[in-house]
């Protein structure tokens, strides 16, 4: 599959097209807690002392979280990866250098 857990976020009482980064961190932390709803949905055990990748599926695509734990299994950091999407195409006309220096 393309993701480990699928989420839907509400913002201002309306469905968000993706997920806020703060919410993505919360989902990643929940996934690292044994027996949590998110951990059971993701179906991946936490790995103490090493990184774990969690792929969070949203309507807009997948956001990847690297969950880093220490030797005790406690989460020490979460790194998020997201891809930029194409928003617009633009053509810019630039005057020749001779016109700019005149």
N, C-alpha and C. Protein backbone atom coordinates (compact mmCIF):
# COMPACT_ATOMS: atom_id res chain seq x y z
N UNK A 1 0.83 -1.20 0.00
CA UNK A 1 0.00 0.00 0.00
C UNK A 1 0.87 1.26 0.00
N UNK A 2 0.25 2.37 -0.30
CA UNK A 2 0.99 3.64 -0.37
C UNK A 2 1.13 4.32 0.98
N UNK A 3 0.36 3.87 1.99
CA UNK A 3 0.42 4.51 3.31
C UNK A 3 0.19 3.46 4.40
N UNK A 4 0.62 3.82 5.62
CA UNK A 4 0.46 2.93 6.77
C UNK A 4 -0.82 3.20 7.53
N UNK A 5 -1.23 4.46 7.58
CA UNK A 5 -2.44 4.85 8.28
C UNK A 5 -3.08 5.99 7.49
N UNK A 6 -4.39 5.99 7.42
CA UNK A 6 -5.11 7.04 6.68
C UNK A 6 -5.77 7.96 7.69
N UNK A 7 -5.66 9.27 7.47
CA UNK A 7 -6.25 10.24 8.39
C UNK A 7 -7.10 11.26 7.64
N UNK A 8 -8.06 11.80 8.35
CA UNK A 8 -8.88 12.91 7.85
C UNK A 8 -8.89 13.96 8.95
N UNK A 9 -8.50 15.16 8.63
CA UNK A 9 -8.40 16.23 9.62
C UNK A 9 -9.51 17.25 9.40
N UNK A 10 -10.07 17.75 10.50
CA UNK A 10 -11.04 18.83 10.43
C UNK A 10 -10.37 20.12 10.87
N UNK A 11 -10.61 21.18 10.14
CA UNK A 11 -10.10 22.50 10.47
C UNK A 11 -11.25 23.49 10.32
N UNK A 12 -11.55 24.21 11.38
CA UNK A 12 -12.67 25.16 11.36
C UNK A 12 -13.97 24.46 10.96
N UNK A 13 -14.18 23.25 11.49
CA UNK A 13 -15.37 22.44 11.27
C UNK A 13 -15.54 21.95 9.83
N UNK A 14 -14.48 22.03 9.04
CA UNK A 14 -14.54 21.57 7.65
C UNK A 14 -13.38 20.59 7.40
N UNK A 15 -13.59 19.63 6.51
CA UNK A 15 -12.49 18.70 6.18
C UNK A 15 -11.30 19.45 5.59
N UNK A 16 -10.12 19.16 6.08
CA UNK A 16 -8.88 19.75 5.57
C UNK A 16 -8.44 18.90 4.38
N UNK A 17 -7.93 19.52 3.31
CA UNK A 17 -7.53 18.73 2.14
C UNK A 17 -6.30 17.85 2.38
N UNK A 18 -5.55 18.13 3.43
CA UNK A 18 -4.36 17.33 3.73
C UNK A 18 -4.33 17.08 5.23
N UNK A 19 -3.24 17.48 5.88
CA UNK A 19 -3.12 17.42 7.33
C UNK A 19 -2.15 18.51 7.74
N UNK A 20 -2.43 19.19 8.84
CA UNK A 20 -1.50 20.18 9.36
C UNK A 20 -0.26 19.48 9.89
N UNK A 21 0.87 20.17 9.84
CA UNK A 21 2.12 19.55 10.28
C UNK A 21 2.10 19.21 11.76
N UNK A 22 1.49 20.07 12.57
CA UNK A 22 1.38 19.77 14.00
C UNK A 22 0.56 18.50 14.22
N UNK A 23 -0.51 18.35 13.47
CA UNK A 23 -1.33 17.14 13.57
C UNK A 23 -0.57 15.92 13.08
N UNK A 24 0.25 16.08 12.06
CA UNK A 24 1.05 14.95 11.56
C UNK A 24 2.05 14.48 12.61
N UNK A 25 2.63 15.43 13.36
CA UNK A 25 3.54 15.06 14.45
C UNK A 25 2.77 14.28 15.51
N UNK A 26 1.56 14.75 15.85
CA UNK A 26 0.74 14.05 16.85
C UNK A 26 0.40 12.63 16.39
N UNK A 27 0.08 12.46 15.11
CA UNK A 27 -0.21 11.12 14.58
C UNK A 27 1.04 10.24 14.69
N UNK A 28 2.20 10.79 14.35
CA UNK A 28 3.44 10.03 14.44
C UNK A 28 3.73 9.61 15.88
N UNK A 29 3.53 10.53 16.82
CA UNK A 29 3.74 10.19 18.23
C UNK A 29 2.76 9.12 18.69
N UNK A 30 1.50 9.24 18.28
CA UNK A 30 0.51 8.23 18.66
C UNK A 30 0.87 6.87 18.08
N UNK A 31 1.43 6.86 16.88
CA UNK A 31 1.82 5.59 16.25
C UNK A 31 2.94 4.90 17.01
N UNK A 32 3.71 5.68 17.78
CA UNK A 32 4.84 5.11 18.52
C UNK A 32 4.42 4.59 19.89
N UNK A 33 3.16 4.79 20.28
CA UNK A 33 2.67 4.34 21.58
C UNK A 33 2.01 2.96 21.44
N UNK A 34 2.59 1.95 22.06
CA UNK A 34 2.02 0.60 21.95
C UNK A 34 0.54 0.59 22.37
N UNK A 35 -0.25 -0.15 21.66
CA UNK A 35 -1.68 -0.34 21.92
C UNK A 35 -2.53 0.89 21.66
N UNK A 36 -1.96 1.96 21.10
CA UNK A 36 -2.80 3.11 20.74
C UNK A 36 -3.60 2.76 19.49
N UNK A 37 -4.68 3.46 19.27
CA UNK A 37 -5.50 3.23 18.08
C UNK A 37 -4.67 3.41 16.82
N UNK A 38 -3.84 4.46 16.80
CA UNK A 38 -3.02 4.73 15.61
C UNK A 38 -1.98 3.64 15.40
N UNK A 39 -1.32 3.20 16.48
CA UNK A 39 -0.31 2.14 16.36
C UNK A 39 -0.94 0.86 15.84
N UNK A 40 -2.12 0.52 16.34
CA UNK A 40 -2.79 -0.69 15.87
C UNK A 40 -3.24 -0.56 14.42
N UNK A 41 -3.70 0.64 14.03
CA UNK A 41 -4.11 0.86 12.64
C UNK A 41 -2.92 0.80 11.70
N UNK A 42 -1.77 1.34 12.15
CA UNK A 42 -0.57 1.34 11.32
C UNK A 42 0.04 -0.05 11.23
N UNK A 43 -0.14 -0.85 12.28
CA UNK A 43 0.33 -2.22 12.25
C UNK A 43 1.83 -2.38 12.25
N UNK A 44 2.55 -1.39 12.78
CA UNK A 44 4.00 -1.48 12.83
C UNK A 44 4.48 -1.30 14.26
N UNK A 45 5.31 -2.19 14.75
CA UNK A 45 5.84 -2.01 16.10
C UNK A 45 6.88 -0.90 16.14
N UNK A 46 7.01 -0.28 17.31
CA UNK A 46 8.03 0.74 17.50
C UNK A 46 9.39 0.06 17.57
N UNK A 47 10.42 0.71 17.04
CA UNK A 47 11.77 0.15 17.09
C UNK A 47 12.64 1.06 17.94
N UNK A 48 13.02 0.59 19.12
CA UNK A 48 13.83 1.40 20.02
C UNK A 48 15.22 1.62 19.44
N UNK A 49 15.72 2.85 19.55
CA UNK A 49 17.07 3.17 19.13
C UNK A 49 17.25 3.40 17.65
N UNK A 50 16.22 3.32 16.87
CA UNK A 50 16.38 3.52 15.44
C UNK A 50 15.21 4.25 14.84
N UNK A 51 15.36 4.68 13.60
CA UNK A 51 14.26 5.41 12.95
C UNK A 51 13.16 4.46 12.49
N UNK A 52 11.97 4.97 12.48
CA UNK A 52 10.83 4.25 11.94
C UNK A 52 10.11 5.20 11.00
N UNK A 53 9.72 4.73 9.85
CA UNK A 53 9.03 5.57 8.88
C UNK A 53 7.54 5.27 8.95
N UNK A 54 6.74 6.33 9.09
CA UNK A 54 5.29 6.20 9.08
C UNK A 54 4.77 7.00 7.90
N UNK A 55 4.02 6.35 7.03
CA UNK A 55 3.42 7.03 5.88
C UNK A 55 1.97 7.34 6.21
N UNK A 56 1.65 8.64 6.28
CA UNK A 56 0.32 9.10 6.66
C UNK A 56 -0.43 9.46 5.39
N UNK A 57 -1.50 8.73 5.11
CA UNK A 57 -2.29 8.98 3.91
C UNK A 57 -3.35 10.04 4.15
N UNK A 58 -3.44 11.02 3.26
CA UNK A 58 -4.45 12.08 3.34
C UNK A 58 -5.11 12.19 1.96
N UNK A 59 -6.22 12.92 1.86
CA UNK A 59 -6.84 13.09 0.54
C UNK A 59 -5.91 13.75 -0.48
N UNK A 60 -4.95 14.56 0.00
CA UNK A 60 -4.03 15.26 -0.90
C UNK A 60 -2.78 14.45 -1.21
N UNK A 61 -2.60 13.31 -0.57
CA UNK A 61 -1.41 12.51 -0.80
C UNK A 61 -0.84 11.98 0.49
N UNK A 62 0.40 11.54 0.43
CA UNK A 62 1.06 10.91 1.57
C UNK A 62 2.12 11.84 2.13
N UNK A 63 2.13 11.99 3.46
CA UNK A 63 3.20 12.71 4.14
C UNK A 63 3.97 11.67 4.95
N UNK A 64 5.29 11.73 4.88
CA UNK A 64 6.13 10.74 5.53
C UNK A 64 6.72 11.32 6.80
N UNK A 65 6.66 10.54 7.88
CA UNK A 65 7.23 10.96 9.15
C UNK A 65 8.30 9.96 9.55
N UNK A 66 9.49 10.47 9.88
CA UNK A 66 10.54 9.64 10.46
C UNK A 66 10.44 9.79 11.97
N UNK A 67 10.20 8.70 12.67
CA UNK A 67 10.07 8.71 14.12
C UNK A 67 11.38 8.16 14.68
N UNK A 68 12.11 9.00 15.41
CA UNK A 68 13.40 8.62 15.97
C UNK A 68 13.21 8.39 17.47
N UNK A 69 13.64 7.23 17.94
CA UNK A 69 13.54 6.92 19.37
C UNK A 69 14.92 6.74 19.97
N UNK A 70 14.99 6.91 21.29
CA UNK A 70 16.25 6.68 21.98
C UNK A 70 16.33 5.20 22.37
N UNK A 71 17.36 4.85 23.14
CA UNK A 71 17.56 3.45 23.51
C UNK A 71 16.46 2.89 24.39
N UNK A 72 15.70 3.77 25.06
CA UNK A 72 14.61 3.30 25.91
C UNK A 72 13.30 3.14 25.14
N UNK A 73 13.28 3.59 23.90
CA UNK A 73 12.07 3.53 23.10
C UNK A 73 11.26 4.80 23.11
N UNK A 74 11.70 5.80 23.89
CA UNK A 74 10.99 7.09 23.93
C UNK A 74 11.29 7.87 22.66
N UNK A 75 10.29 8.54 22.13
CA UNK A 75 10.49 9.34 20.91
C UNK A 75 11.34 10.55 21.25
N UNK A 76 12.43 10.71 20.50
CA UNK A 76 13.31 11.87 20.71
C UNK A 76 13.08 12.95 19.66
N UNK A 77 12.61 12.55 18.48
CA UNK A 77 12.30 13.54 17.44
C UNK A 77 11.42 12.92 16.36
N UNK A 78 10.72 13.81 15.66
CA UNK A 78 9.91 13.42 14.51
C UNK A 78 10.28 14.35 13.37
N UNK A 79 10.64 13.80 12.24
CA UNK A 79 10.96 14.59 11.05
C UNK A 79 9.89 14.33 10.00
N UNK A 80 9.36 15.40 9.42
CA UNK A 80 8.31 15.27 8.41
C UNK A 80 8.85 15.58 7.03
N UNK A 81 8.36 14.87 6.05
CA UNK A 81 8.75 15.08 4.66
C UNK A 81 7.48 15.32 3.85
N UNK A 82 7.50 16.37 3.08
CA UNK A 82 6.35 16.63 2.21
C UNK A 82 6.87 17.10 0.86
N UNK A 83 6.10 16.87 -0.15
CA UNK A 83 6.49 17.26 -1.51
C UNK A 83 5.69 18.48 -1.92
N UNK A 84 6.36 19.38 -2.60
CA UNK A 84 5.66 20.55 -3.14
C UNK A 84 4.82 20.12 -4.33
N UNK A 85 3.71 20.77 -4.51
CA UNK A 85 2.87 20.46 -5.66
C UNK A 85 2.90 21.64 -6.63
N UNK A 86 2.64 21.37 -7.86
CA UNK A 86 2.63 22.40 -8.89
C UNK A 86 1.42 23.30 -8.69
N UNK A 87 1.65 24.58 -8.46
CA UNK A 87 0.56 25.52 -8.23
C UNK A 87 0.25 26.33 -9.48
N UNK A 88 1.29 26.78 -10.20
CA UNK A 88 1.04 27.63 -11.37
C UNK A 88 2.24 27.58 -12.31
N UNK A 89 1.99 27.95 -13.54
CA UNK A 89 3.04 28.13 -14.54
C UNK A 89 3.03 29.59 -14.94
N UNK A 90 4.22 30.19 -15.02
CA UNK A 90 4.29 31.61 -15.36
C UNK A 90 5.39 31.84 -16.39
N UNK A 91 5.14 32.76 -17.30
CA UNK A 91 6.15 33.23 -18.25
C UNK A 91 6.49 34.66 -17.87
N UNK A 92 7.78 34.93 -17.73
CA UNK A 92 8.23 36.27 -17.35
C UNK A 92 9.08 36.82 -18.48
N UNK A 93 8.68 37.97 -19.01
CA UNK A 93 9.46 38.64 -20.05
C UNK A 93 10.46 39.56 -19.38
N UNK A 94 11.73 39.35 -19.69
CA UNK A 94 12.80 40.17 -19.13
C UNK A 94 13.41 40.98 -20.26
N UNK A 95 13.57 42.27 -20.02
CA UNK A 95 14.15 43.14 -21.04
C UNK A 95 15.60 42.75 -21.30
N UNK A 96 16.08 42.92 -22.54
CA UNK A 96 17.49 42.64 -22.84
C UNK A 96 18.40 43.48 -21.94
N UNK A 97 19.60 43.00 -21.69
CA UNK A 97 20.55 43.66 -20.80
C UNK A 97 20.81 45.10 -21.22
N UNK A 98 20.86 45.39 -22.52
CA UNK A 98 21.13 46.76 -23.00
C UNK A 98 20.04 47.72 -22.53
N UNK A 99 18.79 47.28 -22.51
CA UNK A 99 17.69 48.15 -22.06
C UNK A 99 17.73 48.36 -20.56
N UNK A 100 18.21 47.37 -19.81
CA UNK A 100 18.26 47.49 -18.36
C UNK A 100 19.33 48.48 -17.90
N UNK A 101 20.43 48.58 -18.66
CA UNK A 101 21.52 49.46 -18.24
C UNK A 101 21.36 50.88 -18.75
N UNK A 102 20.39 51.15 -19.60
CA UNK A 102 20.21 52.49 -20.18
C UNK A 102 19.55 53.44 -19.22
